[in-house]
Structures are given as structure tokens and as C-alpha cells.
């Protein structure tokens, strides 16, 4: 009788273990394969060889990359090299990634950046400074400082008189789409949309279900579209096989607040070009795709 009970309990335990393993495989989308969706004008970014897990782009086109992530359980192509922060000016004709120097006193040897985000300090106000050029002394005499609420981010000016000018701003609204917070739930394959209130409390508005492991989210400030770096097959991501590498996928979500958002696969690759996409960010017709531990891609849309 005792043996029968033991065998019965073992069978129940194995059944429960099997259910959990099956549930985990479903969460990881372990059986999913992707069909390639190519973009015609893309190239790998020189200087990024061991991942760019996250990317953030300023309104002026400066893109910042967090590179070299080492994470427990994940593959690394440069396990002994510390991470870093790279920058790319997307307004250049041929943008290239440059590593930023970090001030002394920082422990660079153990630097292992994961996510990255930038904040524009609105306390720093743009001004127009009017000077008089003293030709005889080869110097500038400061005459006046001009401040105005219509000059939040001055890009260029044209003088039409001693104290009159036309001015352009490179952007006007500092955060037009930050009334909402978007949260990716990677293993649930969901994006949660939360409304941010003036007291900083959050209220969930909706949940968008997807058929992929969603990683980092980026907002296109010109349209409000959500760009998502995704992992089509999480098992390949964690159990690395160079002969069957993790694939990449980029989604564009339009009108996410509507009843039926439009979800488009903009890019997909089986790992032959890009492995383990984790982020996609756009600026002025240019798309940057980063990965957990592989390369990074620059595309012109």
C-alpha cells in the first residue's frame, strides 16, 4: 500500500512538472519560427559587436546606446570587456557610433549597462543672446538676453534688425505622448497601457496581447506610434546555439489607445543577420535596432 501511494505521488509530481515545463515552453514561444521581413536600406553598425540592449534618442537626433550587457544565463560575445555608452548623431549624412568617455572616479571595469533613458531638464531655458561686435578690439559686447515661452528649444535665428530676429525651434512639445505609461510584460506577451495622473498615480487603461516576447518599448514622438524590440523564440535566446541562433523581430503599433490598434511587423530575421533584438527606436525616417548580446542595425525607412 505504501509503495502504491509513493508511486502515485511520483506520478502526480511528474505530471505537475510536465505541466509547468509545457507552460514555460508556451511562455518562451519555444516552437515559434519567424519568416523574414527585410528592409532594403540597412547595415550593421560598426563598433557594436556584443549587444546594444537599449537605445534612446533625443529630439535633436542624438542616439545613445547601452552596450556590452552581461546577464546571468545569457550568452556574451565579449565576456571580459566592460560595457559602455555609445552615441550616434542621426542628423549626419553617414552616422557612426562613437564611444563616450566617462569621467574619472567611475568604476569602468565593472560597468554593465542594461536599460538607458534620457531626460531633458526643462529648468535649463533657451535664450537668444544679442552681442555687438567691436571690430577695433576684436571682441563681443553683450547687449541683451531674450527669453520667451515661444522659444523653448531654439535651433536657428536670422537677424533682421538691431534687436529683431526670426527664430526656429527644433521641437516645441517636450513630452506630447508622456500622458501615458507603457509597460512590457515579456513572458505574458503583453503591453500594459497606464494613464499617469497629476499626483503621479497610475491607472491601467488596457492590455494589448501579442504573439511574441516583448522587450523594450520606444515612442515615436512625431506620431505616438510604439516601436517594440521582440524575441520571437525565448528558448533560443537563453539556450544559445550558434547553428540555430535566436531570431529578431520589430513591431510597430499604431493607435494603441484605440479599440483595434494596428500591429505591423516591420522587420524580422532568423538570426542570420541580427540575433536577439531587444529594442527599436526611430527618428526622422531612420530606424535603430539593438540586441541583447549581438550586433545593432541602422535602417533608412
C-alpha atoms as a PDB file:
ATOM      1  CA  UNK A   1       0.000   0.000   0.000  1.00  0.00           C
ATOM      2  CA  UNK A   2       2.812   2.370   0.939  1.00  0.00           C
ATOM      3  CA  UNK A   3       4.564   1.612  -2.337  1.00  0.00           C
ATOM      4  CA  UNK A   4       1.420   2.304  -4.319  1.00  0.00           C
ATOM      5  CA  UNK A   5       0.992   5.638  -2.546  1.00  0.00           C
ATOM      6  CA  UNK A   6       4.633   6.525  -3.312  1.00  0.00           C
ATOM      7  CA  UNK A   7       4.238   5.617  -6.970  1.00  0.00           C
ATOM      8  CA  UNK A   8       1.000   7.595  -7.124  1.00  0.00           C
ATOM      9  CA  UNK A   9       2.627  10.681  -5.618  1.00  0.00           C
ATOM     10  CA  UNK A  10       5.576  10.356  -8.007  1.00  0.00           C
ATOM     11  CA  UNK A  11       3.173  10.208 -10.934  1.00  0.00           C
ATOM     12  CA  UNK A  12       1.354  13.318  -9.722  1.00  0.00           C
ATOM     13  CA  UNK A  13       4.665  15.141  -9.225  1.00  0.00           C
ATOM     14  CA  UNK A  14       5.839  14.218 -12.742  1.00  0.00           C
ATOM     15  CA  UNK A  15       2.516  15.322 -14.188  1.00  0.00           C
ATOM     16  CA  UNK A  16       2.741  18.676 -12.421  1.00  0.00           C
ATOM     17  CA  UNK A  17       6.352  19.067 -13.569  1.00  0.00           C
ATOM     18  CA  UNK A  18       5.301  18.292 -17.126  1.00  0.00           C
ATOM     19  CA  UNK A  19       2.543  20.896 -16.978  1.00  0.00           C
ATOM     20  CA  UNK A  20       4.973  23.506 -15.683  1.00  0.00           C
ATOM     21  CA  UNK A  21       7.530  22.699 -18.386  1.00  0.00           C
ATOM     22  CA  UNK A  22       4.814  22.942 -21.039  1.00  0.00           C
ATOM     23  CA  UNK A  23       3.625  26.252 -19.594  1.00  0.00           C
ATOM     24  CA  UNK A  24       7.205  27.553 -19.633  1.00  0.00           C
ATOM     25  CA  UNK A  25       7.672  26.476 -23.266  1.00  0.00           C
ATOM     26  CA  UNK A  26       4.471  28.321 -24.143  1.00  0.00           C
ATOM     27  CA  UNK A  27       5.658  31.420 -22.343  1.00  0.00           C
ATOM     28  CA  UNK A  28       9.003  31.244 -24.166  1.00  0.00           C
ATOM     29  CA  UNK A  29       7.303  30.588 -27.528  1.00  0.00           C
ATOM     30  CA  UNK A  30       9.806  27.733 -27.801  1.00  0.00           C
ATOM     31  CA  UNK A  31       8.313  26.309 -31.008  1.00  0.00           C
ATOM     32  CA  UNK A  32       7.931  29.581 -32.887  1.00  0.00           C
ATOM     33  CA  UNK A  33       9.889  30.339 -36.044  1.00  0.00           C
ATOM     34  CA  UNK A  34       9.797  33.611 -37.978  1.00  0.00           C
ATOM     35  CA  UNK A  35       9.521  34.386 -41.654  1.00  0.00           C
ATOM     36  CA  UNK A  36      11.969  37.046 -42.767  1.00  0.00           C
ATOM     37  CA  UNK A  37      10.702  40.578 -43.239  1.00  0.00           C
ATOM     38  CA  UNK A  38      13.543  42.576 -44.759  1.00  0.00           C
ATOM     39  CA  UNK A  39      14.145  46.289 -45.076  1.00  0.00           C
ATOM     40  CA  UNK A  40      16.034  47.404 -48.193  1.00  0.00           C
ATOM     41  CA  UNK A  41      18.326  50.050 -46.752  1.00  0.00           C
ATOM     42  CA  UNK A  42      20.017  48.576 -43.669  1.00  0.00           C
ATOM     43  CA  UNK A  43      23.547  47.931 -42.453  1.00  0.00           C
ATOM     44  CA  UNK A  44      25.145  46.680 -39.256  1.00  0.00           C
ATOM     45  CA  UNK A  45      26.569  49.433 -37.078  1.00  0.00           C
ATOM     46  CA  UNK A  46      30.357  49.312 -36.855  1.00  0.00           C
ATOM     47  CA  UNK A  47      31.685  49.210 -33.302  1.00  0.00           C
ATOM     48  CA  UNK A  48      28.756  47.324 -31.755  1.00  0.00           C
ATOM     49  CA  UNK A  49      29.736  43.672 -31.578  1.00  0.00           C
ATOM     50  CA  UNK A  50      28.433  42.466 -28.191  1.00  0.00           C
ATOM     51  CA  UNK A  51      24.936  43.841 -27.888  1.00  0.00           C
ATOM     52  CA  UNK A  52      23.107  47.120 -27.513  1.00  0.00           C
ATOM     53  CA  UNK A  53      20.286  46.212 -25.145  1.00  0.00           C
ATOM     54  CA  UNK A  54      18.636  49.624 -25.150  1.00  0.00           C
ATOM     55  CA  UNK A  55      18.637  52.797 -27.252  1.00  0.00           C
ATOM     56  CA  UNK A  56      17.254  56.260 -26.525  1.00  0.00           C
ATOM     57  CA  UNK A  57      17.101  59.159 -28.997  1.00  0.00           C
ATOM     58  CA  UNK A  58      16.947  62.836 -28.090  1.00  0.00           C
ATOM     59  CA  UNK A  59      14.719  65.267 -30.043  1.00  0.00           C
ATOM     60  CA  UNK A  60      17.848  66.661 -31.746  1.00  0.00           C
ATOM     61  CA  UNK A  61      18.764  63.281 -33.246  1.00  0.00           C
ATOM     62  CA  UNK A  62      21.472  62.186 -30.806  1.00  0.00           C
ATOM     63  CA  UNK A  63      21.056  58.456 -30.139  1.00  0.00           C
ATOM     64  CA  UNK A  64      22.532  56.829 -27.032  1.00  0.00           C
ATOM     65  CA  UNK A  65      23.276  53.089 -26.892  1.00  0.00           C
ATOM     66  CA  UNK A  66      23.885  50.965 -23.793  1.00  0.00           C
ATOM     67  CA  UNK A  67      26.316  48.255 -24.930  1.00  0.00           C
ATOM     68  CA  UNK A  68      28.067  45.165 -23.635  1.00  0.00           C
ATOM     69  CA  UNK A  69      25.452  43.724 -21.263  1.00  0.00           C
ATOM     70  CA  UNK A  70      26.490  40.623 -19.307  1.00  0.00           C
ATOM     71  CA  UNK A  71      23.444  38.951 -17.768  1.00  0.00           C
ATOM     72  CA  UNK A  72      23.273  35.668 -15.836  1.00  0.00           C
ATOM     73  CA  UNK A  73      22.125  32.862 -18.107  1.00  0.00           C
ATOM     74  CA  UNK A  74      22.645  34.815 -21.327  1.00  0.00           C
ATOM     75  CA  UNK A  75      25.351  34.350 -23.937  1.00  0.00           C
ATOM     76  CA  UNK A  76      28.055  37.026 -24.357  1.00  0.00           C
ATOM     77  CA  UNK A  77      30.372  37.609 -27.294  1.00  0.00           C
ATOM     78  CA  UNK A  78      32.726  39.718 -25.140  1.00  0.00           C
ATOM     79  CA  UNK A  79      32.543  38.348 -21.574  1.00  0.00           C
ATOM     80  CA  UNK A  80      35.734  40.081 -20.403  1.00  0.00           C
ATOM     81  CA  UNK A  81      35.074  43.515 -21.894  1.00  0.00           C
ATOM     82  CA  UNK A  82      33.232  46.105 -19.757  1.00  0.00           C
ATOM     83  CA  UNK A  83      30.136  47.771 -21.080  1.00  0.00           C
ATOM     84  CA  UNK A  84      29.857  51.336 -22.279  1.00  0.00           C
ATOM     85  CA  UNK A  85      27.674  54.117 -23.667  1.00  0.00           C
ATOM     86  CA  UNK A  86      27.874  54.973 -27.358  1.00  0.00           C
ATOM     87  CA  UNK A  87      26.412  57.942 -29.209  1.00  0.00           C
ATOM     88  CA  UNK A  88      25.341  58.417 -32.825  1.00  0.00           C
ATOM     89  CA  UNK A  89      24.257  61.665 -34.487  1.00  0.00           C
ATOM     90  CA  UNK A  90      21.384  60.707 -36.766  1.00  0.00           C
ATOM     91  CA  UNK A  91      21.498  64.083 -38.489  1.00  0.00           C
ATOM     92  CA  UNK A  92      24.871  63.256 -40.022  1.00  0.00           C
ATOM     93  CA  UNK A  93      24.895  62.095 -43.634  1.00  0.00           C
ATOM     94  CA  UNK A  94      26.645  58.866 -42.635  1.00  0.00           C
ATOM     95  CA  UNK A  95      26.052  58.413 -38.895  1.00  0.00           C
ATOM     96  CA  UNK A  96      28.580  56.358 -36.955  1.00  0.00           C
ATOM     97  CA  UNK A  97      28.690  55.177 -33.358  1.00  0.00           C
ATOM     98  CA  UNK A  98      31.222  56.807 -31.051  1.00  0.00           C
ATOM     99  CA  UNK A  99      32.024  55.651 -27.530  1.00  0.00           C
ATOM    100  CA  UNK A 100      31.532  58.328 -24.892  1.00  0.00           C
ATOM    101  CA  UNK A 101      34.301  58.880 -22.370  1.00  0.00           C
ATOM    102  CA  UNK A 102      33.176  58.645 -18.764  1.00  0.00           C
ATOM    103  CA  UNK A 103      34.703  60.911 -16.130  1.00  0.00           C
ATOM    104  CA  UNK A 104      37.393  59.718 -13.753  1.00  0.00           C
ATOM    105  CA  UNK A 105      36.394  58.117 -10.497  1.00  0.00           C
ATOM    106  CA  UNK A 106      33.767  55.885 -12.100  1.00  0.00           C
ATOM    107  CA  UNK A 107      34.338  52.117 -11.891  1.00  0.00           C
ATOM    108  CA  UNK A 108      34.571  51.394 -15.620  1.00  0.00           C
ATOM    109  CA  UNK A 109      35.876  47.847 -15.129  1.00  0.00           C
ATOM    110  CA  UNK A 110      32.561  46.669 -13.645  1.00  0.00           C
ATOM    111  CA  UNK A 111      30.306  48.875 -15.779  1.00  0.00           C
ATOM    112  CA  UNK A 112      27.471  46.661 -17.087  1.00  0.00           C
ATOM    113  CA  UNK A 113      24.714  48.919 -18.501  1.00  0.00           C
ATOM    114  CA  UNK A 114      21.298  47.431 -19.223  1.00  0.00           C
ATOM    115  CA  UNK A 115      18.488  49.913 -19.967  1.00  0.00           C
ATOM    116  CA  UNK A 116      19.038  53.565 -20.813  1.00  0.00           C
ATOM    117  CA  UNK A 117      16.811  56.646 -20.706  1.00  0.00           C
ATOM    118  CA  UNK A 118      17.398  60.359 -21.126  1.00  0.00           C
ATOM    119  CA  UNK A 119      15.704  63.338 -19.503  1.00  0.00           C
ATOM    120  CA  UNK A 120      15.654  66.893 -20.794  1.00  0.00           C
ATOM    121  CA  UNK A 121      15.963  69.312 -17.898  1.00  0.00           C
ATOM    122  CA  UNK A 122      13.355  71.984 -18.535  1.00  0.00           C
ATOM    123  CA  UNK A 123      14.967  74.183 -15.890  1.00  0.00           C
ATOM    124  CA  UNK A 124      17.602  74.894 -18.489  1.00  0.00           C
ATOM    125  CA  UNK A 125      15.925  77.584 -20.553  1.00  0.00           C
ATOM    126  CA  UNK A 126      16.854  78.527 -24.103  1.00  0.00           C
ATOM    127  CA  UNK A 127      17.736  82.159 -24.662  1.00  0.00           C
ATOM    128  CA  UNK A 128      18.833  84.345 -27.549  1.00  0.00           C
ATOM    129  CA  UNK A 129      21.909  86.413 -26.715  1.00  0.00           C
ATOM    130  CA  UNK A 130      22.483  89.675 -28.612  1.00  0.00           C
ATOM    131  CA  UNK A 131      26.071  90.887 -28.932  1.00  0.00           C
ATOM    132  CA  UNK A 132      27.743  93.825 -30.648  1.00  0.00           C
ATOM    133  CA  UNK A 133      30.951  93.054 -32.497  1.00  0.00           C
ATOM    134  CA  UNK A 134      33.654  95.584 -31.587  1.00  0.00           C
ATOM    135  CA  UNK A 135      35.853  95.324 -34.658  1.00  0.00           C
ATOM    136  CA  UNK A 136      38.639  97.577 -33.357  1.00  0.00           C
ATOM    137  CA  UNK A 137      39.092  95.450 -30.236  1.00  0.00           C
ATOM    138  CA  UNK A 138      38.137  92.153 -31.894  1.00  0.00           C
ATOM    139  CA  UNK A 139      35.658  91.459 -29.085  1.00  0.00           C
ATOM    140  CA  UNK A 140      31.967  90.972 -28.364  1.00  0.00           C
ATOM    141  CA  UNK A 141      29.924  93.350 -26.225  1.00  0.00           C
ATOM    142  CA  UNK A 142      26.867  91.691 -24.693  1.00  0.00           C
ATOM    143  CA  UNK A 143      23.760  93.852 -25.177  1.00  0.00           C
ATOM    144  CA  UNK A 144      20.683  91.834 -24.290  1.00  0.00           C
ATOM    145  CA  UNK A 145      19.237  88.413 -23.347  1.00  0.00           C
ATOM    146  CA  UNK A 146      15.901  87.437 -24.887  1.00  0.00           C
ATOM    147  CA  UNK A 147      13.697  84.800 -23.208  1.00  0.00           C
ATOM    148  CA  UNK A 148      10.209  83.787 -24.300  1.00  0.00           C
ATOM    149  CA  UNK A 149       7.795  80.870 -23.871  1.00  0.00           C
ATOM    150  CA  UNK A 150       7.636  80.541 -27.666  1.00  0.00           C
ATOM    151  CA  UNK A 151      11.374  79.855 -27.731  1.00  0.00           C
ATOM    152  CA  UNK A 152      11.627  76.534 -25.810  1.00  0.00           C
ATOM    153  CA  UNK A 153      14.320  74.941 -27.995  1.00  0.00           C
ATOM    154  CA  UNK A 154      15.948  77.436 -30.359  1.00  0.00           C
ATOM    155  CA  UNK A 155      17.581  75.854 -33.379  1.00  0.00           C
ATOM    156  CA  UNK A 156      18.494  78.801 -35.616  1.00  0.00           C
ATOM    157  CA  UNK A 157      17.905  82.532 -35.880  1.00  0.00           C
ATOM    158  CA  UNK A 158      18.019  85.212 -38.594  1.00  0.00           C
ATOM    159  CA  UNK A 159      18.676  88.815 -37.541  1.00  0.00           C
ATOM    160  CA  UNK A 160      16.544  91.468 -39.297  1.00  0.00           C
ATOM    161  CA  UNK A 161      17.367  94.435 -37.077  1.00  0.00           C
ATOM    162  CA  UNK A 162      19.406  95.523 -34.031  1.00  0.00           C
ATOM    163  CA  UNK A 163      17.095  93.616 -31.680  1.00  0.00           C
ATOM    164  CA  UNK A 164      14.724  91.858 -34.093  1.00  0.00           C
ATOM    165  CA  UNK A 165      15.043  88.317 -35.442  1.00  0.00           C
ATOM    166  CA  UNK A 166      13.225  85.267 -36.710  1.00  0.00           C
ATOM    167  CA  UNK A 167      13.820  82.019 -34.805  1.00  0.00           C
ATOM    168  CA  UNK A 168      13.026  78.331 -35.304  1.00  0.00           C
ATOM    169  CA  UNK A 169      12.624  75.606 -32.679  1.00  0.00           C
ATOM    170  CA  UNK A 170      13.818  72.046 -33.326  1.00  0.00           C
ATOM    171  CA  UNK A 171      10.863  70.826 -31.224  1.00  0.00           C
ATOM    172  CA  UNK A 172       8.060  72.515 -29.360  1.00  0.00           C
ATOM    173  CA  UNK A 173       6.256  69.998 -27.181  1.00  0.00           C
ATOM    174  CA  UNK A 174       8.627  68.382 -24.687  1.00  0.00           C
ATOM    175  CA  UNK A 175       6.533  65.280 -23.956  1.00  0.00           C
ATOM    176  CA  UNK A 176       3.350  65.092 -26.065  1.00  0.00           C
ATOM    177  CA  UNK A 177       2.874  61.343 -25.523  1.00  0.00           C
ATOM    178  CA  UNK A 178       4.013  61.038 -21.919  1.00  0.00           C
ATOM    179  CA  UNK A 179       0.465  61.335 -20.574  1.00  0.00           C
ATOM    180  CA  UNK A 180       0.575  57.530 -20.718  1.00  0.00           C
ATOM    181  CA  UNK A 181       2.992  54.886 -19.488  1.00  0.00           C
ATOM    182  CA  UNK A 182       3.566  51.707 -21.497  1.00  0.00           C
ATOM    183  CA  UNK A 183       4.847  48.586 -19.734  1.00  0.00           C
ATOM    184  CA  UNK A 184       6.023  45.410 -21.482  1.00  0.00           C
ATOM    185  CA  UNK A 185       5.358  42.053 -19.797  1.00  0.00           C
ATOM    186  CA  UNK A 186       7.852  39.872 -21.647  1.00  0.00           C
ATOM    187  CA  UNK A 187       6.669  36.385 -20.656  1.00  0.00           C
ATOM    188  CA  UNK A 188       2.977  37.263 -20.783  1.00  0.00           C
ATOM    189  CA  UNK A 189       3.438  38.686 -24.314  1.00  0.00           C
ATOM    190  CA  UNK A 190       1.566  41.841 -23.342  1.00  0.00           C
ATOM    191  CA  UNK A 191       1.836  45.626 -23.288  1.00  0.00           C
ATOM    192  CA  UNK A 192       0.018  47.362 -20.446  1.00  0.00           C
ATOM    193  CA  UNK A 193      -1.206  50.910 -21.052  1.00  0.00           C
ATOM    194  CA  UNK A 194      -1.330  53.029 -17.891  1.00  0.00           C
ATOM    195  CA  UNK A 195      -2.599  56.579 -17.506  1.00  0.00           C
ATOM    196  CA  UNK A 196      -0.407  58.936 -15.495  1.00  0.00           C
ATOM    197  CA  UNK A 197      -2.235  61.380 -13.221  1.00  0.00           C
ATOM    198  CA  UNK A 198      -1.050  64.707 -11.868  1.00  0.00           C
ATOM    199  CA  UNK A 199      -0.356  63.120  -8.466  1.00  0.00           C
ATOM    200  CA  UNK A 200       1.890  60.553 -10.282  1.00  0.00           C
ATOM    201  CA  UNK A 201      -0.524  57.679  -9.591  1.00  0.00           C
ATOM    202  CA  UNK A 202      -1.123  55.225 -12.437  1.00  0.00           C
ATOM    203  CA  UNK A 203      -4.378  53.659 -13.640  1.00  0.00           C
ATOM    204  CA  UNK A 204      -4.424  50.742 -16.063  1.00  0.00           C
ATOM    205  CA  UNK A 205      -6.447  51.519 -19.194  1.00  0.00           C
ATOM    206  CA  UNK A 206      -5.951  48.430 -21.344  1.00  0.00           C
ATOM    207  CA  UNK A 207      -3.755  45.425 -22.141  1.00  0.00           C
ATOM    208  CA  UNK A 208      -2.595  44.626 -25.667  1.00  0.00           C
ATOM    209  CA  UNK A 209      -1.859  40.932 -26.259  1.00  0.00           C
ATOM    210  CA  UNK A 210       0.819  39.929 -28.776  1.00  0.00           C
ATOM    211  CA  UNK A 211       2.275  36.678 -30.123  1.00  0.00           C
ATOM    212  CA  UNK A 212       5.887  37.378 -29.180  1.00  0.00           C
ATOM    213  CA  UNK A 213       8.118  38.181 -26.199  1.00  0.00           C
ATOM    214  CA  UNK A 214       8.055  41.977 -25.995  1.00  0.00           C
ATOM    215  CA  UNK A 215      11.180  43.675 -24.661  1.00  0.00           C
ATOM    216  CA  UNK A 216      11.932  47.411 -24.772  1.00  0.00           C
ATOM    217  CA  UNK A 217       9.362  49.951 -25.974  1.00  0.00           C
ATOM    218  CA  UNK A 218      10.079  53.239 -27.752  1.00  0.00           C
ATOM    219  CA  UNK A 219       7.677  56.030 -28.677  1.00  0.00           C
ATOM    220  CA  UNK A 220       7.918  57.895 -31.970  1.00  0.00           C
ATOM    221  CA  UNK A 221       7.422  61.497 -30.764  1.00  0.00           C
ATOM    222  CA  UNK A 222       6.155  62.605 -34.169  1.00  0.00           C
ATOM    223  CA  UNK A 223       3.254  60.131 -34.327  1.00  0.00           C
ATOM    224  CA  UNK A 224       2.823  58.424 -30.962  1.00  0.00           C
ATOM    225  CA  UNK A 225       3.463  55.009 -32.541  1.00  0.00           C
ATOM    226  CA  UNK A 226       5.024  52.371 -30.286  1.00  0.00           C
ATOM    227  CA  UNK A 227       8.104  50.559 -31.636  1.00  0.00           C
ATOM    228  CA  UNK A 228       8.910  47.252 -29.973  1.00  0.00           C
ATOM    229  CA  UNK A 229      12.014  45.071 -29.985  1.00  0.00           C
ATOM    230  CA  UNK A 230      10.839  41.479 -29.647  1.00  0.00           C
ATOM    231  CA  UNK A 231      12.107  37.933 -29.138  1.00  0.00           C
ATOM    232  CA  UNK A 232      10.079  35.522 -31.298  1.00  0.00           C
ATOM    233  CA  UNK A 233      11.572  32.478 -29.529  1.00  0.00           C
ATOM    234  CA  UNK A 234      12.761  32.940 -25.951  1.00  0.00           C
ATOM    235  CA  UNK A 235      14.205  29.450 -25.630  1.00  0.00           C
ATOM    236  CA  UNK A 236      16.764  30.156 -28.348  1.00  0.00           C
ATOM    237  CA  UNK A 237      17.625  33.347 -26.511  1.00  0.00           C
ATOM    238  CA  UNK A 238      18.522  31.594 -23.253  1.00  0.00           C
ATOM    239  CA  UNK A 239      19.895  28.329 -24.687  1.00  0.00           C
ATOM    240  CA  UNK A 240      22.349  29.716 -27.234  1.00  0.00           C
ATOM    241  CA  UNK A 241      23.214  27.581 -30.240  1.00  0.00           C
ATOM    242  CA  UNK A 242      25.372  29.255 -32.925  1.00  0.00           C
ATOM    243  CA  UNK A 243      23.891  26.873 -35.504  1.00  0.00           C
ATOM    244  CA  UNK A 244      20.338  27.823 -34.532  1.00  0.00           C
ATOM    245  CA  UNK A 245      20.631  31.371 -33.121  1.00  0.00           C
ATOM    246  CA  UNK A 246      17.843  33.498 -31.637  1.00  0.00           C
ATOM    247  CA  UNK A 247      15.791  35.443 -34.128  1.00  0.00           C
ATOM    248  CA  UNK A 248      14.793  39.104 -34.178  1.00  0.00           C
ATOM    249  CA  UNK A 249      11.503  40.919 -34.643  1.00  0.00           C
ATOM    250  CA  UNK A 250      10.424  44.570 -34.660  1.00  0.00           C
ATOM    251  CA  UNK A 251       6.779  45.590 -34.305  1.00  0.00           C
ATOM    252  CA  UNK A 252       5.163  48.958 -34.938  1.00  0.00           C
ATOM    253  CA  UNK A 253       1.940  49.611 -33.029  1.00  0.00           C
ATOM    254  CA  UNK A 254      -0.286  52.417 -34.280  1.00  0.00           C
ATOM    255  CA  UNK A 255      -3.244  53.904 -32.398  1.00  0.00           C
ATOM    256  CA  UNK A 256      -2.586  51.812 -29.308  1.00  0.00           C
ATOM    257  CA  UNK A 257      -5.299  53.671 -27.381  1.00  0.00           C
ATOM    258  CA  UNK A 258      -8.000  52.709 -29.886  1.00  0.00           C
ATOM    259  CA  UNK A 259     -10.202  49.608 -29.710  1.00  0.00           C
ATOM    260  CA  UNK A 260      -8.274  47.942 -32.564  1.00  0.00           C
ATOM    261  CA  UNK A 261      -4.624  49.064 -32.699  1.00  0.00           C
ATOM    262  CA  UNK A 262      -2.708  48.281 -35.885  1.00  0.00           C
ATOM    263  CA  UNK A 263       0.253  45.957 -35.293  1.00  0.00           C
ATOM    264  CA  UNK A 264       2.771  45.660 -38.150  1.00  0.00           C
ATOM    265  CA  UNK A 265       5.894  43.510 -38.358  1.00  0.00           C
ATOM    266  CA  UNK A 266       8.428  45.970 -39.748  1.00  0.00           C
ATOM    267  CA  UNK A 267      11.470  43.691 -39.550  1.00  0.00           C
ATOM    268  CA  UNK A 268      12.087  40.011 -38.829  1.00  0.00           C
ATOM    269  CA  UNK A 269      15.207  37.869 -39.192  1.00  0.00           C
ATOM    270  CA  UNK A 270      16.028  34.265 -38.289  1.00  0.00           C
ATOM    271  CA  UNK A 271      19.335  35.232 -36.661  1.00  0.00           C
ATOM    272  CA  UNK A 272      21.450  35.133 -39.805  1.00  0.00           C
ATOM    273  CA  UNK A 273      21.862  38.931 -39.640  1.00  0.00           C
ATOM    274  CA  UNK A 274      20.627  40.023 -36.217  1.00  0.00           C
ATOM    275  CA  UNK A 275      20.247  37.894 -33.096  1.00  0.00           C
ATOM    276  CA  UNK A 276      18.031  38.665 -30.107  1.00  0.00           C
ATOM    277  CA  UNK A 277      16.522  42.068 -30.911  1.00  0.00           C
ATOM    278  CA  UNK A 278      15.675  43.948 -27.723  1.00  0.00           C
ATOM    279  CA  UNK A 279      14.848  47.499 -28.838  1.00  0.00           C
ATOM    280  CA  UNK A 280      13.773  49.503 -31.888  1.00  0.00           C
ATOM    281  CA  UNK A 281      13.811  53.289 -31.981  1.00  0.00           C
ATOM    282  CA  UNK A 282      13.050  55.724 -34.807  1.00  0.00           C
ATOM    283  CA  UNK A 283      13.980  59.268 -35.707  1.00  0.00           C
ATOM    284  CA  UNK A 284      13.167  61.173 -38.906  1.00  0.00           C
ATOM    285  CA  UNK A 285      12.827  58.109 -41.121  1.00  0.00           C
ATOM    286  CA  UNK A 286      15.740  56.253 -39.546  1.00  0.00           C
ATOM    287  CA  UNK A 287      15.375  53.029 -37.535  1.00  0.00           C
ATOM    288  CA  UNK A 288      17.860  51.689 -34.988  1.00  0.00           C
ATOM    289  CA  UNK A 289      17.566  48.079 -33.789  1.00  0.00           C
ATOM    290  CA  UNK A 290      19.564  46.882 -30.787  1.00  0.00           C
ATOM    291  CA  UNK A 291      20.107  43.391 -29.392  1.00  0.00           C
ATOM    292  CA  UNK A 292      20.802  41.736 -26.049  1.00  0.00           C
ATOM    293  CA  UNK A 293      24.256  40.458 -26.930  1.00  0.00           C
ATOM    294  CA  UNK A 294      24.773  40.617 -30.713  1.00  0.00           C
ATOM    295  CA  UNK A 295      25.048  43.462 -33.254  1.00  0.00           C
ATOM    296  CA  UNK A 296      22.949  46.571 -33.947  1.00  0.00           C
ATOM    297  CA  UNK A 297      21.242  47.603 -37.189  1.00  0.00           C
ATOM    298  CA  UNK A 298      20.792  51.004 -38.842  1.00  0.00           C
ATOM    299  CA  UNK A 299      17.986  51.290 -41.406  1.00  0.00           C
ATOM    300  CA  UNK A 300      16.530  54.077 -43.508  1.00  0.00           C
ATOM    301  CA  UNK A 301      12.765  53.621 -43.794  1.00  0.00           C
END
